[in-house]
Protein backbone atom coordinates (compact mmCIF):
# COMPACT_ATOMS: atom_id res chain seq x y z
CA MET A 1 11.05 30.98 37.92
CA PRO A 2 7.88 31.12 35.74
CA ASP A 3 4.55 31.90 36.70
CA SER A 4 2.57 28.49 37.30
CA GLY A 5 -0.87 29.51 36.37
CA VAL A 6 1.15 30.27 33.21
CA SER A 7 2.38 26.93 32.61
CA GLU A 8 -0.89 25.41 33.36
CA ARG A 9 -2.72 27.40 31.14
CA PHE A 10 -0.62 26.98 28.46
CA ARG A 11 -0.57 23.20 29.55
CA GLU A 12 -4.33 23.05 28.99
CA ALA A 13 -4.25 25.12 26.04
CA LEU A 14 -2.13 22.18 24.48
CA ARG A 15 -4.74 19.70 25.94
CA LEU A 16 -7.57 21.56 24.13
CA ALA A 17 -5.64 21.61 21.02
CA GLU A 18 -4.85 17.62 20.64
CA ASP A 19 -8.89 16.57 21.42
CA GLY A 20 -9.54 19.36 18.43
CA ILE A 21 -6.83 17.26 16.38
CA ALA A 22 -8.54 13.94 17.87
CA LEU A 23 -11.90 15.38 17.37
CA MET A 24 -11.04 16.72 13.80
CA ARG A 25 -9.23 12.67 12.99
CA GLN A 26 -12.79 11.05 13.94
CA ASN A 27 -14.92 13.49 12.46
CA LEU A 28 -12.79 12.72 9.29
CA ARG A 29 -12.51 8.62 9.57
CA ARG A 30 -16.71 9.25 9.68
CA ARG A 31 -16.83 11.31 6.31
CA HIS A 32 -14.84 8.71 4.56
CA VAL A 33 -15.19 5.38 6.09
CA GLY A 34 -13.60 3.39 3.09
CA GLU A 35 -10.05 5.48 3.92
CA SER A 36 -6.74 3.88 5.22
CA GLU A 37 -5.34 5.24 8.23
CA GLU A 38 -2.71 6.82 5.78
CA GLN A 39 -5.54 8.60 3.76
CA ILE A 40 -7.28 9.78 6.99
CA ALA A 41 -3.80 10.85 8.54
CA ASP A 42 -3.21 12.48 4.80
CA ARG A 43 -6.72 14.56 4.98
CA LEU A 44 -5.66 15.36 8.35
CA ASP A 45 -2.39 16.98 7.68
CA ALA A 46 -4.37 18.89 4.96
CA TRP A 47 -6.29 20.42 7.27
CA LEU A 48 -4.15 21.22 9.36
CA ARG A 49 -2.06 23.45 7.25
CA ASP A 50 -4.69 24.49 5.08
CA ARG A 51 -7.74 24.98 7.98
CA PRO A 52 -9.27 28.70 7.87
CA MET A 53 -7.89 31.46 10.50
CA ASP A 54 -9.51 30.98 13.83
CA SER A 55 -9.91 35.10 13.94
CA PRO A 56 -9.37 37.69 12.11
CA GLY A 57 -6.05 40.10 11.82
CA ARG A 58 -2.46 39.90 10.28
CA VAL A 59 -0.46 36.49 9.83
CA VAL A 60 3.07 36.56 10.71
CA ASP A 61 5.18 33.64 10.66
CA GLY A 62 6.87 34.32 13.97
CA SER A 63 10.61 34.76 12.62
CA LEU A 64 13.24 37.09 14.38
CA PRO A 65 13.65 40.03 12.35
C-alpha cells in the first residue's frame, strides 16, 4: 500500500505546477494583449519547452537503458 503522505505531496506538486502554468498564461496575456488564444497557447508551449532549468544539474531524459 503506497504511503498516503507521498501521494498527497505528489498531488500538491501537480497542483502547484498547474497553478504556475496558469500564472504564466495570464502573464503572456498581459504582455501580448492583442494576440489570440491560439497565439498565447503557442507562446506558452514554447515557454514550457524552452524555459530555463529550475536547478543546476545534469539533464536526463528519464528513459531506462
